[in-house]
Amino acid sequence: PGLDKETIESLPVFPFTSEKCSKYGKVATECSVCLTDFQEDEVVKILPGCSHFFHTDCIDMWLFSHSTCPLCRCILVP
């Protein structure tokens, strides 16, 4: 089962920048859901626990039917 809309909407978002990516220790340049490159200042959603980030629309759609990160399968809600 996925997450409810309220939980999904409460996840943090930020404008993507290469510099901010490095701060999180990540070097991803593309969304692993749609495989499209992130654009500078594009709004992305970061998942708590694992800090993986995705296009907001992509991860929202994923989370409606899953409660884990699509990359590492980290459980997002206890």
N, C-alpha and C. Protein backbone atom coordinates (compact mmCIF):
# COMPACT_ATOMS: atom_id res chain seq x y z
N PRO A 1 0.82 -1.21 0.00
CA PRO A 1 0.00 0.00 0.00
C PRO A 1 0.86 1.26 0.00
N GLY A 2 0.35 2.28 -0.61
CA GLY A 2 1.08 3.54 -0.71
C GLY A 2 0.81 4.47 0.46
N LEU A 3 1.32 5.67 0.33
CA LEU A 3 1.14 6.70 1.36
C LEU A 3 -0.09 7.54 1.04
N ASP A 4 -0.64 8.18 2.07
CA ASP A 4 -1.78 9.05 1.83
C ASP A 4 -1.30 10.40 1.30
N LYS A 5 -2.22 11.12 0.68
CA LYS A 5 -1.90 12.39 0.02
C LYS A 5 -1.26 13.39 0.99
N GLU A 6 -1.79 13.47 2.20
CA GLU A 6 -1.27 14.41 3.20
C GLU A 6 0.20 14.12 3.53
N THR A 7 0.54 12.86 3.69
CA THR A 7 1.92 12.48 3.99
C THR A 7 2.84 12.81 2.83
N ILE A 8 2.40 12.50 1.62
CA ILE A 8 3.20 12.78 0.42
C ILE A 8 3.45 14.28 0.28
N GLU A 9 2.41 15.07 0.51
CA GLU A 9 2.54 16.53 0.38
C GLU A 9 3.42 17.13 1.47
N SER A 10 3.59 16.42 2.58
CA SER A 10 4.40 16.95 3.68
C SER A 10 5.90 16.71 3.49
N LEU A 11 6.28 15.91 2.51
CA LEU A 11 7.70 15.64 2.28
C LEU A 11 8.40 16.90 1.77
N PRO A 12 9.64 17.12 2.19
CA PRO A 12 10.34 18.36 1.82
C PRO A 12 10.70 18.45 0.34
N VAL A 13 10.64 19.67 -0.17
CA VAL A 13 11.04 19.96 -1.55
C VAL A 13 12.10 21.05 -1.53
N PHE A 14 12.91 21.11 -2.58
CA PHE A 14 13.89 22.17 -2.71
C PHE A 14 14.26 22.33 -4.18
N PRO A 15 14.75 23.51 -4.56
CA PRO A 15 15.20 23.70 -5.94
C PRO A 15 16.52 22.96 -6.16
N PHE A 16 16.56 22.14 -7.18
CA PHE A 16 17.76 21.36 -7.50
C PHE A 16 18.88 22.29 -7.96
N THR A 17 20.05 22.09 -7.38
CA THR A 17 21.28 22.71 -7.89
C THR A 17 22.39 21.68 -7.71
N SER A 18 23.34 21.71 -8.59
CA SER A 18 24.47 20.78 -8.48
C SER A 18 25.16 20.94 -7.14
N GLU A 19 25.27 22.19 -6.69
CA GLU A 19 25.93 22.48 -5.43
C GLU A 19 25.18 21.86 -4.25
N LYS A 20 23.86 22.00 -4.24
CA LYS A 20 23.07 21.45 -3.14
C LYS A 20 23.13 19.92 -3.15
N CYS A 21 23.19 19.32 -4.33
CA CYS A 21 23.32 17.87 -4.45
C CYS A 21 24.56 17.39 -3.71
N SER A 22 25.65 18.07 -3.92
CA SER A 22 26.90 17.69 -3.28
C SER A 22 26.78 17.78 -1.76
N LYS A 23 26.03 18.76 -1.29
CA LYS A 23 25.84 18.95 0.15
C LYS A 23 25.17 17.71 0.76
N TYR A 24 24.24 17.11 0.03
CA TYR A 24 23.56 15.92 0.51
C TYR A 24 24.39 14.66 0.27
N GLY A 25 25.55 14.82 -0.34
CA GLY A 25 26.41 13.67 -0.59
C GLY A 25 25.95 12.85 -1.78
N LYS A 26 25.09 13.43 -2.58
CA LYS A 26 24.55 12.72 -3.74
C LYS A 26 25.12 13.34 -5.01
N VAL A 27 25.30 12.53 -6.00
CA VAL A 27 25.80 13.04 -7.27
C VAL A 27 24.83 12.74 -8.41
N ALA A 28 23.60 12.37 -8.06
CA ALA A 28 22.59 12.06 -9.07
C ALA A 28 22.30 13.29 -9.92
N THR A 29 22.21 13.08 -11.21
CA THR A 29 21.87 14.17 -12.11
C THR A 29 20.56 13.91 -12.82
N GLU A 30 19.96 12.73 -12.54
CA GLU A 30 18.69 12.42 -13.17
C GLU A 30 17.74 11.77 -12.17
N CYS A 31 16.47 11.90 -12.45
CA CYS A 31 15.42 11.27 -11.65
C CYS A 31 15.42 9.78 -11.98
N SER A 32 15.54 8.95 -10.98
CA SER A 32 15.60 7.51 -11.24
C SER A 32 14.23 6.91 -11.54
N VAL A 33 13.17 7.69 -11.42
CA VAL A 33 11.84 7.21 -11.78
C VAL A 33 11.61 7.38 -13.28
N CYS A 34 11.86 8.60 -13.80
CA CYS A 34 11.60 8.87 -15.22
C CYS A 34 12.87 8.88 -16.08
N LEU A 35 14.04 8.86 -15.42
CA LEU A 35 15.35 8.86 -16.10
C LEU A 35 15.62 10.13 -16.90
N THR A 36 14.98 11.23 -16.51
CA THR A 36 15.20 12.52 -17.14
C THR A 36 16.13 13.35 -16.26
N ASP A 37 17.05 14.08 -16.88
CA ASP A 37 17.99 14.92 -16.12
C ASP A 37 17.26 16.00 -15.34
N PHE A 38 17.78 16.29 -14.15
CA PHE A 38 17.29 17.42 -13.38
C PHE A 38 17.82 18.70 -14.02
N GLN A 39 17.02 19.74 -14.00
CA GLN A 39 17.43 21.05 -14.49
C GLN A 39 17.75 21.93 -13.28
N GLU A 40 18.69 22.84 -13.44
CA GLU A 40 19.03 23.75 -12.35
C GLU A 40 17.77 24.50 -11.90
N ASP A 41 17.57 24.58 -10.60
CA ASP A 41 16.45 25.26 -9.95
C ASP A 41 15.10 24.58 -10.14
N GLU A 42 15.08 23.38 -10.71
CA GLU A 42 13.85 22.61 -10.81
C GLU A 42 13.50 22.08 -9.42
N VAL A 43 12.24 22.14 -9.05
CA VAL A 43 11.82 21.69 -7.72
C VAL A 43 11.83 20.17 -7.67
N VAL A 44 12.53 19.63 -6.67
CA VAL A 44 12.60 18.19 -6.46
C VAL A 44 12.17 17.88 -5.03
N LYS A 45 11.77 16.64 -4.81
CA LYS A 45 11.33 16.21 -3.48
C LYS A 45 12.38 15.25 -2.92
N ILE A 46 12.74 15.47 -1.66
CA ILE A 46 13.74 14.63 -1.00
C ILE A 46 13.04 13.72 0.01
N LEU A 47 13.47 12.47 0.05
CA LEU A 47 12.85 11.51 0.96
C LEU A 47 13.60 11.47 2.28
N PRO A 48 12.86 11.51 3.39
CA PRO A 48 13.52 11.44 4.70
C PRO A 48 14.14 10.06 4.89
N GLY A 49 15.19 10.02 5.65
CA GLY A 49 15.85 8.73 5.92
C GLY A 49 16.98 8.47 4.96
N CYS A 50 16.67 8.36 3.68
CA CYS A 50 17.71 8.02 2.70
C CYS A 50 18.24 9.24 1.94
N SER A 51 17.51 10.33 1.94
CA SER A 51 17.88 11.58 1.26
C SER A 51 17.96 11.45 -0.26
N HIS A 52 17.35 10.43 -0.85
CA HIS A 52 17.27 10.37 -2.31
C HIS A 52 16.24 11.40 -2.76
N PHE A 53 16.44 11.96 -3.93
CA PHE A 53 15.50 12.97 -4.42
C PHE A 53 15.07 12.67 -5.84
N PHE A 54 13.89 13.19 -6.19
CA PHE A 54 13.21 12.86 -7.44
C PHE A 54 12.40 14.06 -7.89
N HIS A 55 11.99 14.06 -9.17
CA HIS A 55 11.01 15.04 -9.61
C HIS A 55 9.78 14.88 -8.72
N THR A 56 9.19 15.97 -8.33
CA THR A 56 8.04 15.92 -7.43
C THR A 56 6.90 15.07 -8.00
N ASP A 57 6.53 15.31 -9.25
CA ASP A 57 5.43 14.54 -9.85
C ASP A 57 5.76 13.06 -9.93
N CYS A 58 6.99 12.74 -10.25
CA CYS A 58 7.40 11.33 -10.38
C CYS A 58 7.29 10.59 -9.06
N ILE A 59 7.86 11.18 -8.00
CA ILE A 59 7.86 10.47 -6.72
C ILE A 59 6.48 10.47 -6.09
N ASP A 60 5.69 11.53 -6.32
CA ASP A 60 4.33 11.54 -5.79
C ASP A 60 3.53 10.37 -6.37
N MET A 61 3.63 10.17 -7.67
CA MET A 61 2.91 9.08 -8.32
C MET A 61 3.37 7.73 -7.75
N TRP A 62 4.69 7.58 -7.58
CA TRP A 62 5.24 6.34 -7.02
C TRP A 62 4.69 6.09 -5.61
N LEU A 63 4.68 7.15 -4.79
CA LEU A 63 4.31 6.99 -3.39
C LEU A 63 2.82 6.74 -3.17
N PHE A 64 1.99 7.04 -4.15
CA PHE A 64 0.57 6.71 -4.03
C PHE A 64 0.36 5.20 -4.01
N SER A 65 1.32 4.45 -4.57
CA SER A 65 1.15 2.99 -4.59
C SER A 65 2.27 2.23 -3.87
N HIS A 66 3.27 2.95 -3.33
CA HIS A 66 4.38 2.33 -2.61
C HIS A 66 4.70 3.16 -1.37
N SER A 67 5.26 2.54 -0.36
CA SER A 67 5.65 3.29 0.84
C SER A 67 7.16 3.21 1.08
N THR A 68 7.89 2.95 -0.01
CA THR A 68 9.35 2.84 0.07
C THR A 68 10.00 3.71 -1.00
N CYS A 69 11.28 4.00 -0.79
CA CYS A 69 12.07 4.70 -1.80
C CYS A 69 12.26 3.78 -3.00
N PRO A 70 12.07 4.29 -4.23
CA PRO A 70 12.25 3.44 -5.40
C PRO A 70 13.71 3.01 -5.64
N LEU A 71 14.65 3.70 -5.04
CA LEU A 71 16.07 3.35 -5.22
C LEU A 71 16.56 2.33 -4.19
N CYS A 72 16.38 2.64 -2.93
CA CYS A 72 16.98 1.80 -1.88
C CYS A 72 15.96 1.01 -1.07
N ARG A 73 14.69 1.23 -1.34
CA ARG A 73 13.59 0.53 -0.66
C ARG A 73 13.49 0.87 0.83
N CYS A 74 14.09 1.99 1.21
CA CYS A 74 13.96 2.48 2.58
C CYS A 74 12.47 2.70 2.87
N ILE A 75 11.99 2.21 4.00
CA ILE A 75 10.58 2.39 4.36
C ILE A 75 10.40 3.82 4.86
N LEU A 76 9.43 4.53 4.28
CA LEU A 76 9.26 5.94 4.58
C LEU A 76 8.39 6.22 5.80
N VAL A 77 7.49 5.29 6.12
CA VAL A 77 6.61 5.48 7.27
C VAL A 77 6.65 4.22 8.12
N PRO A 78 6.90 4.37 9.42
CA PRO A 78 6.97 3.17 10.28
C PRO A 78 5.64 2.43 10.34
